[in-house]
Amino acid sequence: MTTALNRVVPDDHNGDYFVHLDEGADDMSGHAKSSLVGVSLNVPITDGRLNLGTWQGVYLMEFRNYRHTRYCLATINGAKYD
C-alpha cells in the first residue's frame, strides 16, 4: 500500500508540487494520502469476532516520515444477544 500511495501522491522534496510544506516534504502528501484512504472504518462483529472476508484485513498506515505518537480509538456499537 505504501508503494502504491507514494506513486500516486509522492512527497514534494522540491516544493514544486504542493504549496503547503510548513512541516516538511511529507506534510501535504500525508494529508492527501489520508484523504484517499480515509480516517475511519466500520467493521461488522459477529459472535464476538471481526466479520471480515478471507482476504480482507485492517491496516493502520502512517504517512509521515518522522517518529511520533498516534492513538487508535475503537467504538463498538450494538447489542449482545444470548
N, C-alpha and C. Protein backbone atom coordinates (compact mmCIF):
# COMPACT_ATOMS: atom_id res chain seq x y z
N MET A 1 0.82 -1.19 0.00
CA MET A 1 0.00 0.00 0.00
C MET A 1 0.87 1.25 0.00
N THR A 2 1.93 1.23 0.78
CA THR A 2 2.79 2.41 0.85
C THR A 2 3.41 2.71 -0.51
N THR A 3 3.88 1.69 -1.20
CA THR A 3 4.49 1.89 -2.51
C THR A 3 3.49 2.46 -3.50
N ALA A 4 2.28 1.93 -3.50
CA ALA A 4 1.25 2.41 -4.43
C ALA A 4 0.87 3.85 -4.12
N LEU A 5 0.67 4.17 -2.84
CA LEU A 5 0.29 5.54 -2.49
C LEU A 5 1.42 6.54 -2.76
N ASN A 6 2.66 6.11 -2.58
CA ASN A 6 3.79 7.00 -2.89
C ASN A 6 3.89 7.30 -4.38
N ARG A 7 3.43 6.38 -5.22
CA ARG A 7 3.41 6.65 -6.67
C ARG A 7 2.29 7.62 -7.02
N VAL A 8 1.15 7.49 -6.34
CA VAL A 8 0.01 8.37 -6.62
C VAL A 8 0.25 9.77 -6.05
N VAL A 9 0.75 9.83 -4.82
CA VAL A 9 0.98 11.11 -4.15
C VAL A 9 2.40 11.10 -3.56
N PRO A 10 3.39 11.49 -4.35
CA PRO A 10 4.77 11.49 -3.84
C PRO A 10 5.02 12.67 -2.89
N ASP A 11 5.99 12.50 -2.00
CA ASP A 11 6.41 13.62 -1.17
C ASP A 11 7.01 14.69 -2.08
N ASP A 12 6.87 15.95 -1.67
CA ASP A 12 7.35 17.06 -2.51
C ASP A 12 8.67 17.59 -1.94
N HIS A 13 9.78 17.04 -2.41
CA HIS A 13 11.09 17.46 -1.91
C HIS A 13 11.59 18.74 -2.55
N ASN A 14 11.00 19.15 -3.67
CA ASN A 14 11.45 20.36 -4.37
C ASN A 14 10.57 21.56 -4.10
N GLY A 15 9.39 21.33 -3.51
CA GLY A 15 8.48 22.44 -3.28
C GLY A 15 7.73 22.87 -4.52
N ASP A 16 7.73 22.04 -5.56
CA ASP A 16 7.07 22.40 -6.82
C ASP A 16 5.64 21.87 -6.90
N TYR A 17 5.35 20.79 -6.18
CA TYR A 17 4.08 20.10 -6.35
C TYR A 17 3.00 20.63 -5.40
N PHE A 18 3.36 20.80 -4.12
CA PHE A 18 2.41 21.29 -3.11
C PHE A 18 2.81 22.68 -2.64
N VAL A 19 1.81 23.48 -2.30
CA VAL A 19 2.06 24.81 -1.77
C VAL A 19 2.39 24.74 -0.28
N HIS A 20 1.71 23.87 0.45
CA HIS A 20 1.86 23.76 1.90
C HIS A 20 2.98 22.79 2.25
N LEU A 21 4.12 23.30 2.70
CA LEU A 21 5.27 22.48 3.08
C LEU A 21 5.83 22.90 4.44
N ASP A 22 5.01 23.53 5.28
CA ASP A 22 5.48 24.10 6.54
C ASP A 22 6.13 23.07 7.46
N GLU A 23 5.68 21.84 7.42
CA GLU A 23 6.19 20.82 8.34
C GLU A 23 7.07 19.79 7.63
N GLY A 24 7.48 20.05 6.43
CA GLY A 24 8.36 19.13 5.72
C GLY A 24 7.75 18.64 4.42
N ALA A 25 8.57 17.93 3.65
CA ALA A 25 8.17 17.44 2.32
C ALA A 25 7.05 16.41 2.39
N ASP A 26 6.88 15.75 3.55
CA ASP A 26 5.85 14.71 3.67
C ASP A 26 4.56 15.24 4.28
N ASP A 27 4.48 16.55 4.54
CA ASP A 27 3.32 17.11 5.23
C ASP A 27 2.05 17.09 4.37
N MET A 28 2.06 17.79 3.25
CA MET A 28 0.86 17.86 2.42
C MET A 28 0.55 16.53 1.75
N SER A 29 1.59 15.78 1.36
CA SER A 29 1.34 14.46 0.77
C SER A 29 0.68 13.54 1.79
N GLY A 30 1.04 13.68 3.07
CA GLY A 30 0.39 12.90 4.13
C GLY A 30 -1.09 13.22 4.24
N HIS A 31 -1.45 14.50 4.13
CA HIS A 31 -2.86 14.89 4.17
C HIS A 31 -3.62 14.30 2.97
N ALA A 32 -3.01 14.36 1.80
CA ALA A 32 -3.66 13.85 0.59
C ALA A 32 -3.85 12.34 0.68
N LYS A 33 -2.83 11.60 1.13
CA LYS A 33 -2.93 10.15 1.26
C LYS A 33 -4.00 9.77 2.28
N SER A 34 -4.05 10.50 3.38
CA SER A 34 -5.05 10.25 4.41
C SER A 34 -6.47 10.45 3.85
N SER A 35 -6.63 11.46 3.01
CA SER A 35 -7.93 11.69 2.37
C SER A 35 -8.31 10.57 1.43
N LEU A 36 -7.33 10.00 0.74
CA LEU A 36 -7.60 8.91 -0.20
C LEU A 36 -8.03 7.62 0.52
N VAL A 37 -7.37 7.28 1.61
CA VAL A 37 -7.69 6.01 2.27
C VAL A 37 -8.73 6.15 3.36
N GLY A 38 -8.98 7.37 3.84
CA GLY A 38 -9.98 7.58 4.88
C GLY A 38 -9.38 7.48 6.27
N VAL A 39 -10.10 8.02 7.23
CA VAL A 39 -9.60 8.07 8.60
C VAL A 39 -10.45 7.27 9.58
N SER A 40 -11.47 6.61 9.08
CA SER A 40 -12.30 5.79 9.96
C SER A 40 -12.76 4.55 9.21
N LEU A 41 -13.26 3.58 9.97
CA LEU A 41 -13.61 2.30 9.39
C LEU A 41 -14.76 1.68 10.18
N ASN A 42 -15.69 1.08 9.50
CA ASN A 42 -16.75 0.30 10.14
C ASN A 42 -16.54 -1.17 9.78
N VAL A 43 -16.48 -2.01 10.79
CA VAL A 43 -16.27 -3.44 10.58
C VAL A 43 -17.35 -4.18 11.36
N PRO A 44 -18.09 -5.06 10.72
CA PRO A 44 -19.09 -5.83 11.46
C PRO A 44 -18.43 -6.84 12.40
N ILE A 45 -19.07 -7.05 13.53
CA ILE A 45 -18.62 -8.05 14.50
C ILE A 45 -19.73 -9.08 14.64
N THR A 46 -19.39 -10.34 14.46
CA THR A 46 -20.35 -11.44 14.57
C THR A 46 -19.81 -12.45 15.56
N ASP A 47 -20.61 -12.78 16.55
CA ASP A 47 -20.21 -13.74 17.58
C ASP A 47 -18.88 -13.35 18.23
N GLY A 48 -18.69 -12.05 18.46
CA GLY A 48 -17.50 -11.56 19.15
C GLY A 48 -16.24 -11.50 18.32
N ARG A 49 -16.33 -11.71 17.00
CA ARG A 49 -15.16 -11.68 16.12
C ARG A 49 -15.39 -10.71 14.96
N LEU A 50 -14.29 -10.13 14.48
CA LEU A 50 -14.41 -9.29 13.30
C LEU A 50 -14.91 -10.14 12.14
N ASN A 51 -15.91 -9.66 11.46
CA ASN A 51 -16.52 -10.41 10.36
C ASN A 51 -15.93 -9.90 9.04
N LEU A 52 -14.72 -10.35 8.74
CA LEU A 52 -14.02 -9.96 7.53
C LEU A 52 -13.98 -11.12 6.55
N GLY A 53 -13.87 -10.82 5.28
CA GLY A 53 -13.74 -11.85 4.27
C GLY A 53 -12.37 -12.50 4.32
N THR A 54 -12.21 -13.53 3.54
CA THR A 54 -10.97 -14.32 3.54
C THR A 54 -9.73 -13.46 3.31
N TRP A 55 -9.78 -12.54 2.37
CA TRP A 55 -8.61 -11.75 2.01
C TRP A 55 -8.68 -10.32 2.54
N GLN A 56 -9.61 -10.05 3.43
CA GLN A 56 -9.74 -8.72 3.98
C GLN A 56 -8.89 -8.57 5.24
N GLY A 57 -8.50 -7.35 5.54
CA GLY A 57 -7.74 -7.04 6.75
C GLY A 57 -7.93 -5.59 7.11
N VAL A 58 -7.46 -5.22 8.27
CA VAL A 58 -7.49 -3.84 8.73
C VAL A 58 -6.05 -3.36 8.78
N TYR A 59 -5.75 -2.28 8.10
CA TYR A 59 -4.40 -1.75 8.04
C TYR A 59 -4.33 -0.39 8.71
N LEU A 60 -3.32 -0.17 9.51
CA LEU A 60 -3.03 1.13 10.09
C LEU A 60 -1.83 1.67 9.35
N MET A 61 -1.99 2.84 8.73
CA MET A 61 -0.91 3.40 7.93
C MET A 61 -0.49 4.76 8.48
N GLU A 62 0.79 5.02 8.43
CA GLU A 62 1.35 6.31 8.82
C GLU A 62 1.99 6.93 7.58
N PHE A 63 1.67 8.19 7.32
CA PHE A 63 2.16 8.84 6.10
C PHE A 63 3.26 9.86 6.36
N ARG A 64 3.60 10.09 7.61
CA ARG A 64 4.70 11.00 7.93
C ARG A 64 5.97 10.20 8.11
N ASN A 65 7.12 10.80 7.83
CA ASN A 65 8.40 10.09 7.86
C ASN A 65 9.12 10.17 9.20
N TYR A 66 8.68 11.05 10.09
CA TYR A 66 9.37 11.15 11.37
C TYR A 66 8.56 10.44 12.47
N ARG A 67 9.24 10.08 13.54
CA ARG A 67 8.61 9.32 14.62
C ARG A 67 7.77 10.22 15.51
N HIS A 68 6.56 9.77 15.80
CA HIS A 68 5.67 10.47 16.72
C HIS A 68 4.63 9.49 17.24
N THR A 69 3.82 9.93 18.15
CA THR A 69 2.82 9.06 18.78
C THR A 69 1.46 9.25 18.12
N ARG A 70 0.80 8.14 17.85
CA ARG A 70 -0.58 8.15 17.35
C ARG A 70 -1.42 7.29 18.28
N TYR A 71 -2.70 7.54 18.29
CA TYR A 71 -3.63 6.76 19.11
C TYR A 71 -4.75 6.23 18.23
N CYS A 72 -5.23 5.06 18.57
CA CYS A 72 -6.38 4.47 17.88
C CYS A 72 -7.55 4.43 18.85
N LEU A 73 -8.72 4.68 18.35
CA LEU A 73 -9.92 4.64 19.16
C LEU A 73 -10.88 3.63 18.54
N ALA A 74 -11.33 2.69 19.33
CA ALA A 74 -12.33 1.71 18.86
C ALA A 74 -13.62 1.96 19.62
N THR A 75 -14.70 2.17 18.90
CA THR A 75 -16.03 2.31 19.48
C THR A 75 -16.88 1.16 18.97
N ILE A 76 -17.41 0.40 19.87
CA ILE A 76 -18.23 -0.77 19.50
C ILE A 76 -19.67 -0.47 19.84
N ASN A 77 -20.51 -0.52 18.80
CA ASN A 77 -21.94 -0.28 18.97
C ASN A 77 -22.69 -1.57 18.70
N GLY A 78 -23.78 -1.76 19.40
CA GLY A 78 -24.60 -2.94 19.13
C GLY A 78 -25.21 -3.49 20.39
N ALA A 79 -25.81 -4.63 20.24
CA ALA A 79 -26.48 -5.30 21.36
C ALA A 79 -25.95 -6.71 21.47
N LYS A 80 -25.91 -7.20 22.69
CA LYS A 80 -25.48 -8.57 22.94
C LYS A 80 -26.72 -9.43 23.04
N TYR A 81 -26.74 -10.50 22.25
CA TYR A 81 -27.86 -11.42 22.27
C TYR A 81 -27.38 -12.74 22.85
N ASP A 82 -28.12 -13.29 23.77
CA ASP A 82 -27.76 -14.59 24.37
C ASP A 82 -28.44 -15.72 23.64
